[in-house]
Amino acid sequence: MTGTVVARRYANAIFALGQKDGDKALTQYGVCLAALGEMIDGSPELAMTLKSPVVSTEEKKTVMDKLLAKLKADAVMRNFCFLLADKDRLSFLREIAACYGRLLDAEKGVIRGRFTTAVPLSVDKQAAVKIDLEKKSEKSIELTFAVDKDILGGVVLKMGDMVLDASLRAQLGILRDIFKKGE
């Protein structure tokens, strides 16, 4: 089984448990999994420990127990993480957290996106862009704003599977292709 299939199955399982327990549980599981994913991203040593075949399952459970205590995780989340340890699936925890996040966003009707410009936008302009996009999509949007001087001007908007590239770099590329075809 590939990692994404494994992650999707476990994410679906914990998501189904959260749905049975209610909206509060769904959100709590998402927060806990996201925090664990961030811990793993922030610590290569932790990631290696969870993946290592040399580290015993009991040692991995001890590490997870300390992390979960720090996060004040409930019994369901603790048992879920211990199950991952028993099944030697802790190495997929980051992917499980990402899959769970997508499921939770879909459940709550949230779209995540990235808005890239060549120059930084003011906080007021960022808020205006977010409000405008929410009106047009009629959904709640979580945007991250980035600056990439390589786009030269304009914007690049990525939301879900959709990419809107209205950058000067893209427009110049189109012009270049048109001129090449005209030769």
N, C-alpha and C. Protein backbone atom coordinates (compact mmCIF):
# COMPACT_ATOMS: atom_id res chain seq x y z
N MET A 1 0.83 -1.19 0.00
CA MET A 1 0.00 0.00 0.00
C MET A 1 0.88 1.25 0.00
N THR A 2 0.49 2.21 -0.78
CA THR A 2 1.25 3.45 -0.79
C THR A 2 0.87 4.31 0.41
N GLY A 3 1.73 5.29 0.69
CA GLY A 3 1.52 6.13 1.86
C GLY A 3 0.22 6.89 1.84
N THR A 4 -0.17 7.40 0.67
CA THR A 4 -1.40 8.19 0.62
C THR A 4 -2.64 7.32 0.85
N VAL A 5 -2.61 6.09 0.39
CA VAL A 5 -3.74 5.19 0.62
C VAL A 5 -3.85 4.89 2.11
N VAL A 6 -2.73 4.59 2.73
CA VAL A 6 -2.71 4.31 4.17
C VAL A 6 -3.19 5.53 4.94
N ALA A 7 -2.65 6.69 4.60
CA ALA A 7 -3.03 7.92 5.31
C ALA A 7 -4.52 8.21 5.15
N ARG A 8 -5.03 8.03 3.94
CA ARG A 8 -6.44 8.30 3.68
C ARG A 8 -7.32 7.36 4.50
N ARG A 9 -6.95 6.09 4.57
CA ARG A 9 -7.76 5.13 5.33
C ARG A 9 -7.82 5.48 6.81
N TYR A 10 -6.66 5.78 7.38
CA TYR A 10 -6.63 6.12 8.80
C TYR A 10 -7.32 7.46 9.07
N ALA A 11 -7.13 8.43 8.18
CA ALA A 11 -7.80 9.72 8.33
C ALA A 11 -9.31 9.55 8.27
N ASN A 12 -9.78 8.73 7.33
CA ASN A 12 -11.22 8.47 7.22
C ASN A 12 -11.74 7.79 8.48
N ALA A 13 -10.95 6.89 9.05
CA ALA A 13 -11.38 6.17 10.25
C ALA A 13 -11.55 7.11 11.44
N ILE A 14 -10.54 7.95 11.69
CA ILE A 14 -10.64 8.87 12.83
C ILE A 14 -11.69 9.94 12.57
N PHE A 15 -11.87 10.30 11.30
CA PHE A 15 -12.90 11.28 10.93
C PHE A 15 -14.28 10.70 11.21
N ALA A 16 -14.50 9.44 10.88
CA ALA A 16 -15.79 8.79 11.14
C ALA A 16 -16.07 8.74 12.64
N LEU A 17 -15.03 8.46 13.44
CA LEU A 17 -15.20 8.49 14.90
C LEU A 17 -15.59 9.89 15.37
N GLY A 18 -14.94 10.89 14.80
CA GLY A 18 -15.26 12.27 15.16
C GLY A 18 -16.68 12.66 14.80
N GLN A 19 -17.15 12.18 13.64
CA GLN A 19 -18.53 12.49 13.24
C GLN A 19 -19.52 11.89 14.22
N LYS A 20 -19.23 10.68 14.71
CA LYS A 20 -20.13 10.05 15.69
C LYS A 20 -20.15 10.84 16.99
N ASP A 21 -18.98 11.40 17.36
CA ASP A 21 -18.87 12.12 18.63
C ASP A 21 -19.30 13.58 18.55
N GLY A 22 -19.53 14.09 17.34
CA GLY A 22 -20.01 15.45 17.19
C GLY A 22 -18.98 16.41 16.64
N ASP A 23 -19.46 17.63 16.36
CA ASP A 23 -18.63 18.66 15.73
C ASP A 23 -17.44 19.06 16.60
N LYS A 24 -17.65 19.10 17.90
CA LYS A 24 -16.57 19.49 18.81
C LYS A 24 -15.43 18.47 18.73
N ALA A 25 -15.76 17.20 18.70
CA ALA A 25 -14.75 16.15 18.61
C ALA A 25 -14.02 16.22 17.27
N LEU A 26 -14.77 16.45 16.19
CA LEU A 26 -14.15 16.59 14.86
C LEU A 26 -13.08 17.67 14.88
N THR A 27 -13.43 18.80 15.46
CA THR A 27 -12.50 19.92 15.52
C THR A 27 -11.30 19.60 16.41
N GLN A 28 -11.56 18.99 17.57
CA GLN A 28 -10.48 18.63 18.49
C GLN A 28 -9.49 17.67 17.84
N TYR A 29 -10.00 16.67 17.15
CA TYR A 29 -9.11 15.71 16.49
C TYR A 29 -8.28 16.40 15.43
N GLY A 30 -8.91 17.33 14.71
CA GLY A 30 -8.18 18.07 13.69
C GLY A 30 -7.07 18.92 14.28
N VAL A 31 -7.35 19.59 15.39
CA VAL A 31 -6.35 20.42 16.05
C VAL A 31 -5.20 19.56 16.54
N CYS A 32 -5.53 18.43 17.15
CA CYS A 32 -4.50 17.54 17.69
C CYS A 32 -3.63 16.96 16.57
N LEU A 33 -4.26 16.47 15.52
CA LEU A 33 -3.50 15.90 14.40
C LEU A 33 -2.64 16.96 13.72
N ALA A 34 -3.18 18.18 13.56
CA ALA A 34 -2.40 19.25 12.94
C ALA A 34 -1.19 19.60 13.80
N ALA A 35 -1.38 19.64 15.12
CA ALA A 35 -0.26 19.93 16.02
C ALA A 35 0.80 18.84 15.96
N LEU A 36 0.36 17.58 15.91
CA LEU A 36 1.32 16.48 15.78
C LEU A 36 2.07 16.57 14.46
N GLY A 37 1.36 16.89 13.40
CA GLY A 37 2.00 17.06 12.09
C GLY A 37 3.05 18.16 12.11
N GLU A 38 2.73 19.28 12.78
CA GLU A 38 3.67 20.39 12.89
C GLU A 38 4.89 20.00 13.72
N MET A 39 4.66 19.23 14.78
CA MET A 39 5.78 18.77 15.60
C MET A 39 6.73 17.90 14.78
N ILE A 40 6.15 17.02 13.98
CA ILE A 40 6.97 16.14 13.15
C ILE A 40 7.71 16.95 12.09
N ASP A 41 7.02 17.92 11.48
CA ASP A 41 7.67 18.78 10.48
C ASP A 41 8.81 19.57 11.10
N GLY A 42 8.62 20.02 12.33
CA GLY A 42 9.61 20.86 13.00
C GLY A 42 10.77 20.11 13.61
N SER A 43 10.66 18.80 13.68
CA SER A 43 11.72 18.02 14.33
C SER A 43 12.08 16.79 13.50
N PRO A 44 13.16 16.89 12.72
CA PRO A 44 13.58 15.72 11.93
C PRO A 44 13.93 14.52 12.82
N GLU A 45 14.40 14.80 14.03
CA GLU A 45 14.72 13.70 14.96
C GLU A 45 13.46 12.93 15.34
N LEU A 46 12.38 13.66 15.59
CA LEU A 46 11.11 13.01 15.92
C LEU A 46 10.62 12.19 14.75
N ALA A 47 10.69 12.75 13.54
CA ALA A 47 10.26 12.02 12.35
C ALA A 47 11.06 10.74 12.18
N MET A 48 12.37 10.82 12.39
CA MET A 48 13.22 9.62 12.25
C MET A 48 12.90 8.59 13.33
N THR A 49 12.62 9.06 14.55
CA THR A 49 12.28 8.14 15.64
C THR A 49 11.00 7.37 15.31
N LEU A 50 10.00 8.07 14.79
CA LEU A 50 8.73 7.42 14.48
C LEU A 50 8.84 6.46 13.30
N LYS A 51 9.79 6.70 12.40
CA LYS A 51 9.98 5.84 11.23
C LYS A 51 10.94 4.68 11.49
N SER A 52 11.82 4.85 12.45
CA SER A 52 12.92 3.91 12.65
C SER A 52 12.46 2.51 13.05
N PRO A 53 12.95 1.49 12.34
CA PRO A 53 12.64 0.12 12.74
C PRO A 53 13.46 -0.31 13.97
N VAL A 54 14.48 0.45 14.30
CA VAL A 54 15.33 0.13 15.45
C VAL A 54 14.63 0.50 16.76
N VAL A 55 13.82 1.55 16.72
CA VAL A 55 13.09 1.99 17.91
C VAL A 55 11.88 1.08 18.10
N SER A 56 11.74 0.54 19.29
CA SER A 56 10.65 -0.41 19.55
C SER A 56 9.30 0.29 19.59
N THR A 57 8.26 -0.49 19.42
CA THR A 57 6.90 0.04 19.46
C THR A 57 6.62 0.68 20.82
N GLU A 58 7.08 0.07 21.88
CA GLU A 58 6.85 0.62 23.22
C GLU A 58 7.54 1.96 23.40
N GLU A 59 8.74 2.10 22.84
CA GLU A 59 9.44 3.38 22.93
C GLU A 59 8.70 4.45 22.12
N LYS A 60 8.18 4.06 20.96
CA LYS A 60 7.40 4.99 20.15
C LYS A 60 6.13 5.41 20.89
N LYS A 61 5.49 4.46 21.57
CA LYS A 61 4.29 4.78 22.34
C LYS A 61 4.62 5.74 23.48
N THR A 62 5.78 5.57 24.09
CA THR A 62 6.20 6.47 25.17
C THR A 62 6.38 7.88 24.64
N VAL A 63 7.02 8.00 23.49
CA VAL A 63 7.21 9.31 22.86
C VAL A 63 5.85 9.92 22.53
N MET A 64 4.97 9.13 21.93
CA MET A 64 3.63 9.63 21.58
C MET A 64 2.85 10.03 22.83
N ASP A 65 2.98 9.25 23.89
CA ASP A 65 2.28 9.55 25.14
C ASP A 65 2.68 10.92 25.66
N LYS A 66 3.98 11.22 25.60
CA LYS A 66 4.46 12.53 26.06
C LYS A 66 3.94 13.66 25.17
N LEU A 67 3.95 13.43 23.87
CA LEU A 67 3.44 14.45 22.94
C LEU A 67 1.95 14.68 23.15
N LEU A 68 1.20 13.58 23.30
CA LEU A 68 -0.24 13.69 23.48
C LEU A 68 -0.60 14.33 24.81
N ALA A 69 0.19 14.06 25.85
CA ALA A 69 -0.04 14.70 27.15
C ALA A 69 0.18 16.21 27.03
N LYS A 70 1.20 16.58 26.27
CA LYS A 70 1.48 18.01 26.05
C LYS A 70 0.30 18.68 25.34
N LEU A 71 -0.34 17.95 24.42
CA LEU A 71 -1.47 18.48 23.65
C LEU A 71 -2.81 18.31 24.37
N LYS A 72 -2.80 17.64 25.51
CA LYS A 72 -4.01 17.36 26.28
C LYS A 72 -5.04 16.61 25.42
N ALA A 73 -4.55 15.59 24.71
CA ALA A 73 -5.41 14.79 23.82
C ALA A 73 -6.34 13.89 24.64
N ASP A 74 -7.52 13.64 24.08
CA ASP A 74 -8.47 12.78 24.78
C ASP A 74 -8.14 11.30 24.54
N ALA A 75 -8.93 10.42 25.14
CA ALA A 75 -8.66 8.98 25.08
C ALA A 75 -8.75 8.44 23.65
N VAL A 76 -9.68 8.95 22.86
CA VAL A 76 -9.84 8.46 21.48
C VAL A 76 -8.58 8.76 20.67
N MET A 77 -8.07 9.97 20.79
CA MET A 77 -6.87 10.34 20.05
C MET A 77 -5.66 9.56 20.54
N ARG A 78 -5.57 9.34 21.84
CA ARG A 78 -4.46 8.55 22.40
C ARG A 78 -4.52 7.12 21.85
N ASN A 79 -5.71 6.53 21.89
CA ASN A 79 -5.85 5.16 21.39
C ASN A 79 -5.56 5.08 19.89
N PHE A 80 -5.97 6.10 19.17
CA PHE A 80 -5.71 6.14 17.73
C PHE A 80 -4.20 6.15 17.47
N CYS A 81 -3.49 7.01 18.17
CA CYS A 81 -2.03 7.10 17.98
C CYS A 81 -1.33 5.83 18.43
N PHE A 82 -1.82 5.22 19.49
CA PHE A 82 -1.21 3.95 19.94
C PHE A 82 -1.50 2.83 18.94
N LEU A 83 -2.67 2.86 18.32
CA LEU A 83 -2.98 1.90 17.26
C LEU A 83 -2.01 2.09 16.09
N LEU A 84 -1.75 3.34 15.73
CA LEU A 84 -0.78 3.61 14.67
C LEU A 84 0.59 3.04 15.04
N ALA A 85 0.96 3.16 16.30
CA ALA A 85 2.24 2.61 16.75
C ALA A 85 2.23 1.09 16.65
N ASP A 86 1.15 0.47 17.10
CA ASP A 86 1.05 -1.00 17.05
C ASP A 86 1.09 -1.52 15.62
N LYS A 87 0.50 -0.79 14.71
CA LYS A 87 0.45 -1.21 13.29
C LYS A 87 1.65 -0.70 12.50
N ASP A 88 2.61 -0.06 13.18
CA ASP A 88 3.80 0.50 12.55
C ASP A 88 3.42 1.51 11.46
N ARG A 89 2.49 2.41 11.81
CA ARG A 89 2.00 3.41 10.87
C ARG A 89 2.26 4.85 11.35
N LEU A 90 3.05 5.01 12.40
CA LEU A 90 3.33 6.36 12.89
C LEU A 90 4.09 7.20 11.86
N SER A 91 4.80 6.55 10.98
CA SER A 91 5.54 7.29 9.96
C SER A 91 4.60 8.01 9.00
N PHE A 92 3.32 7.64 8.99
CA PHE A 92 2.33 8.27 8.11
C PHE A 92 1.53 9.36 8.82
N LEU A 93 1.89 9.67 10.05
CA LEU A 93 1.10 10.61 10.85
C LEU A 93 0.97 11.98 10.20
N ARG A 94 2.02 12.47 9.60
CA ARG A 94 1.98 13.77 8.93
C ARG A 94 0.97 13.74 7.78
N GLU A 95 0.99 12.66 6.98
CA GLU A 95 0.06 12.53 5.85
C GLU A 95 -1.38 12.33 6.35
N ILE A 96 -1.53 11.59 7.44
CA ILE A 96 -2.85 11.39 8.03
C ILE A 96 -3.43 12.73 8.47
N ALA A 97 -2.60 13.55 9.10
CA ALA A 97 -3.04 14.88 9.54
C ALA A 97 -3.48 15.73 8.34
N ALA A 98 -2.73 15.67 7.25
CA ALA A 98 -3.08 16.44 6.05
C ALA A 98 -4.40 15.95 5.46
N CYS A 99 -4.57 14.64 5.37
CA CYS A 99 -5.83 14.07 4.83
C CYS A 99 -7.00 14.44 5.72
N TYR A 100 -6.81 14.37 7.03
CA TYR A 100 -7.87 14.72 7.97
C TYR A 100 -8.23 16.20 7.80
N GLY A 101 -7.23 17.05 7.64
CA GLY A 101 -7.49 18.47 7.44
C GLY A 101 -8.35 18.73 6.22
N ARG A 102 -8.07 18.01 5.13
CA ARG A 102 -8.88 18.17 3.91
C ARG A 102 -10.31 17.69 4.15
N LEU A 103 -10.48 16.59 4.86
CA LEU A 103 -11.82 16.09 5.17
C LEU A 103 -12.59 17.10 6.03
N LEU A 104 -11.90 17.66 7.02
CA LEU A 104 -12.54 18.63 7.91
C LEU A 104 -12.92 19.90 7.15
N ASP A 105 -12.04 20.35 6.27
CA ASP A 105 -12.37 21.53 5.45
C ASP A 105 -13.59 21.28 4.58
N ALA A 106 -13.66 20.10 3.97
CA ALA A 106 -14.80 19.75 3.13
C ALA A 106 -16.09 19.70 3.96
N GLU A 107 -15.99 19.15 5.15
CA GLU A 107 -17.15 19.05 6.04
C GLU A 107 -17.67 20.44 6.44
N LYS A 108 -16.75 21.36 6.69
CA LYS A 108 -17.13 22.69 7.15
C LYS A 108 -17.30 23.69 6.01
N GLY A 109 -17.05 23.25 4.77
CA GLY A 109 -17.21 24.13 3.63
C GLY A 109 -16.13 25.19 3.51
N VAL A 110 -14.93 24.87 3.96
CA VAL A 110 -13.81 25.81 3.92
C VAL A 110 -12.91 25.47 2.73
N ILE A 111 -12.51 26.51 2.02
CA ILE A 111 -11.56 26.34 0.92
C ILE A 111 -10.26 27.01 1.34
N ARG A 112 -9.15 26.31 1.17
CA ARG A 112 -7.84 26.88 1.49
C ARG A 112 -7.16 27.32 0.21
N GLY A 113 -6.47 28.43 0.30
CA GLY A 113 -5.80 28.94 -0.89
C GLY A 113 -4.54 29.71 -0.57
N ARG A 114 -3.80 30.01 -1.62
CA ARG A 114 -2.56 30.77 -1.51
C ARG A 114 -2.61 31.90 -2.54
N PHE A 115 -2.42 33.11 -2.08
CA PHE A 115 -2.47 34.31 -2.91
C PHE A 115 -1.06 34.89 -2.97
N THR A 116 -0.43 34.82 -4.13
CA THR A 116 0.96 35.25 -4.28
C THR A 116 1.03 36.51 -5.13
N THR A 117 1.77 37.48 -4.64
CA THR A 117 1.97 38.73 -5.36
C THR A 117 3.47 39.03 -5.44
N ALA A 118 3.82 39.99 -6.28
CA ALA A 118 5.23 40.38 -6.42
C ALA A 118 5.68 41.30 -5.29
N VAL A 119 4.73 42.01 -4.70
CA VAL A 119 5.03 42.92 -3.58
C VAL A 119 4.10 42.59 -2.42
N PRO A 120 4.52 42.88 -1.21
CA PRO A 120 3.65 42.59 -0.05
C PRO A 120 2.38 43.44 -0.08
N LEU A 121 1.28 42.82 0.37
CA LEU A 121 0.01 43.53 0.47
C LEU A 121 -0.20 43.99 1.91
N SER A 122 -0.85 45.14 2.06
CA SER A 122 -1.18 45.61 3.41
C SER A 122 -2.24 44.69 4.01
N VAL A 123 -2.37 44.76 5.31
CA VAL A 123 -3.37 43.94 6.01
C VAL A 123 -4.77 44.27 5.52
N ASP A 124 -5.04 45.55 5.29
CA ASP A 124 -6.35 45.96 4.78
C ASP A 124 -6.62 45.37 3.40
N LYS A 125 -5.61 45.40 2.54
CA LYS A 125 -5.77 44.87 1.18
C LYS A 125 -5.97 43.35 1.23
N GLN A 126 -5.24 42.67 2.13
CA GLN A 126 -5.42 41.22 2.29
C GLN A 126 -6.84 40.90 2.71
N ALA A 127 -7.36 41.65 3.67
CA ALA A 127 -8.73 41.44 4.13
C ALA A 127 -9.73 41.67 3.01
N ALA A 128 -9.50 42.72 2.21
CA ALA A 128 -10.41 43.04 1.10
C ALA A 128 -10.39 41.92 0.06
N VAL A 129 -9.21 41.39 -0.24
CA VAL A 129 -9.10 40.29 -1.21
C VAL A 129 -9.86 39.06 -0.70
N LYS A 130 -9.68 38.75 0.58
CA LYS A 130 -10.34 37.59 1.17
C LYS A 130 -11.87 37.75 1.12
N ILE A 131 -12.35 38.90 1.49
CA ILE A 131 -13.80 39.16 1.48
C ILE A 131 -14.35 39.06 0.06
N ASP A 132 -13.63 39.64 -0.90
CA ASP A 132 -14.06 39.60 -2.30
C ASP A 132 -14.12 38.15 -2.81
N LEU A 133 -13.12 37.37 -2.50
CA LEU A 133 -13.12 35.96 -2.95
C LEU A 133 -14.22 35.15 -2.28
N GLU A 134 -14.49 35.44 -0.99
CA GLU A 134 -15.58 34.74 -0.30
C GLU A 134 -16.93 35.08 -0.91
N LYS A 135 -17.12 36.33 -1.31
CA LYS A 135 -18.37 36.72 -1.95
C LYS A 135 -18.55 36.00 -3.28
N LYS A 136 -17.48 35.94 -4.05
CA LYS A 136 -17.56 35.31 -5.37
C LYS A 136 -17.73 33.80 -5.29
N SER A 137 -17.09 33.17 -4.33
CA SER A 137 -17.18 31.71 -4.22
C SER A 137 -18.34 31.26 -3.35
N GLU A 138 -18.89 32.18 -2.55
CA GLU A 138 -19.97 31.88 -1.62
C GLU A 138 -19.58 30.78 -0.63
N LYS A 139 -18.29 30.74 -0.28
CA LYS A 139 -17.77 29.78 0.71
C LYS A 139 -16.79 30.51 1.61
N SER A 140 -16.50 29.88 2.73
CA SER A 140 -15.49 30.41 3.64
C SER A 140 -14.11 30.07 3.08
N ILE A 141 -13.22 31.05 3.08
CA ILE A 141 -11.90 30.86 2.49
C ILE A 141 -10.82 31.17 3.52
N GLU A 142 -9.83 30.30 3.59
CA GLU A 142 -8.64 30.52 4.41
C GLU A 142 -7.49 30.77 3.45
N LEU A 143 -7.00 32.00 3.40
CA LEU A 143 -5.94 32.37 2.47
C LEU A 143 -4.63 32.58 3.20
N THR A 144 -3.56 32.11 2.58
CA THR A 144 -2.23 32.50 3.01
C THR A 144 -1.69 33.42 1.93
N PHE A 145 -0.99 34.44 2.35
CA PHE A 145 -0.46 35.41 1.41
C PHE A 145 1.05 35.23 1.33
N ALA A 146 1.57 35.28 0.10
CA ALA A 146 3.00 35.11 -0.11
C ALA A 146 3.50 36.15 -1.09
N VAL A 147 4.81 36.37 -1.05
CA VAL A 147 5.45 37.30 -1.97
C VAL A 147 6.49 36.52 -2.77
N ASP A 148 6.44 36.67 -4.09
CA ASP A 148 7.40 36.03 -4.99
C ASP A 148 7.77 37.06 -6.06
N LYS A 149 8.94 37.63 -5.92
CA LYS A 149 9.39 38.67 -6.85
C LYS A 149 9.56 38.15 -8.27
N ASP A 150 9.68 36.82 -8.43
CA ASP A 150 9.87 36.23 -9.76
C ASP A 150 8.63 36.36 -10.66
N ILE A 151 7.46 36.60 -10.06
CA ILE A 151 6.27 36.72 -10.92
C ILE A 151 6.19 38.09 -11.57
N LEU A 152 7.07 39.01 -11.17
CA LEU A 152 7.24 40.35 -11.75
C LEU A 152 6.08 41.29 -11.45
N GLY A 153 4.86 40.85 -11.50
CA GLY A 153 3.69 41.68 -11.24
C GLY A 153 2.45 40.82 -11.35
N GLY A 154 1.31 41.37 -10.94
CA GLY A 154 0.07 40.60 -10.98
C GLY A 154 -0.03 39.66 -9.79
N VAL A 155 -0.86 38.61 -9.95
CA VAL A 155 -1.09 37.67 -8.85
C VAL A 155 -1.15 36.24 -9.37
N VAL A 156 -0.89 35.31 -8.45
CA VAL A 156 -1.12 33.90 -8.69
C VAL A 156 -1.99 33.41 -7.53
N LEU A 157 -3.16 32.88 -7.85
CA LEU A 157 -4.09 32.39 -6.84
C LEU A 157 -4.26 30.89 -7.01
N LYS A 158 -3.98 30.15 -5.95
CA LYS A 158 -4.18 28.70 -5.95
C LYS A 158 -5.22 28.39 -4.87
N MET A 159 -6.33 27.80 -5.30
CA MET A 159 -7.38 27.40 -4.37
C MET A 159 -7.83 26.00 -4.74
N GLY A 160 -7.54 25.05 -3.86
CA GLY A 160 -7.88 23.67 -4.16
C GLY A 160 -7.12 23.20 -5.39
N ASP A 161 -7.84 22.71 -6.38
CA ASP A 161 -7.23 22.24 -7.62
C ASP A 161 -7.10 23.34 -8.66
N MET A 162 -7.66 24.51 -8.38
CA MET A 162 -7.69 25.59 -9.35
C MET A 162 -6.48 26.52 -9.17
N VAL A 163 -5.89 26.92 -10.29
CA VAL A 163 -4.79 27.89 -10.28
C VAL A 163 -5.14 29.00 -11.26
N LEU A 164 -5.13 30.21 -10.77
CA LEU A 164 -5.33 31.39 -11.62
C LEU A 164 -4.01 32.13 -11.65
N ASP A 165 -3.35 32.09 -12.79
CA ASP A 165 -2.05 32.74 -12.92
C ASP A 165 -2.21 34.00 -13.76
N ALA A 166 -2.40 35.12 -13.08
CA ALA A 166 -2.53 36.41 -13.75
C ALA A 166 -1.26 37.23 -13.50
N SER A 167 -0.12 36.53 -13.51
CA SER A 167 1.14 37.21 -13.27
C SER A 167 1.71 37.75 -14.57
N LEU A 168 2.56 38.73 -14.43
CA LEU A 168 3.23 39.31 -15.59
C LEU A 168 4.14 38.26 -16.24
N ARG A 169 4.77 37.43 -15.44
CA ARG A 169 5.62 36.36 -15.96
C ARG A 169 4.83 35.44 -16.88
N ALA A 170 3.62 35.05 -16.46
CA ALA A 170 2.79 34.16 -17.29
C ALA A 170 2.36 34.85 -18.57
N GLN A 171 2.00 36.13 -18.46
CA GLN A 171 1.57 36.87 -19.65
C GLN A 171 2.72 37.02 -20.65
N LEU A 172 3.92 37.27 -20.14
CA LEU A 172 5.08 37.37 -21.03
C LEU A 172 5.39 36.02 -21.67
N GLY A 173 5.18 34.94 -20.94
CA GLY A 173 5.36 33.59 -21.50
C GLY A 173 4.39 33.32 -22.63
N ILE A 174 3.16 33.76 -22.46
CA ILE A 174 2.15 33.58 -23.52
C ILE A 174 2.54 34.38 -24.75
N LEU A 175 2.98 35.62 -24.56
CA LEU A 175 3.43 36.44 -25.68
C LEU A 175 4.62 35.80 -26.41
N ARG A 176 5.56 35.28 -25.64
CA ARG A 176 6.72 34.61 -26.22
C ARG A 176 6.28 33.44 -27.10
N ASP A 177 5.33 32.64 -26.59
CA ASP A 177 4.83 31.50 -27.37
C ASP A 177 4.13 31.96 -28.64
N ILE A 178 3.38 33.04 -28.55
CA ILE A 178 2.69 33.58 -29.74
C ILE A 178 3.72 34.02 -30.78
N PHE A 179 4.76 34.72 -30.33
CA PHE A 179 5.79 35.19 -31.27
C PHE A 179 6.54 34.02 -31.90
N LYS A 180 6.80 32.96 -31.12
CA LYS A 180 7.49 31.78 -31.66
C LYS A 180 6.65 31.11 -32.74
N LYS A 181 5.36 31.02 -32.52
CA LYS A 181 4.48 30.38 -33.50
C LYS A 181 4.36 31.21 -34.78
N GLY A 182 4.53 32.53 -34.63
CA GLY A 182 4.41 33.42 -35.77
C GLY A 182 5.66 33.43 -36.64
N GLU A 183 6.75 32.83 -36.17
CA GLU A 183 7.99 32.85 -36.97
C GLU A 183 7.93 31.99 -38.17
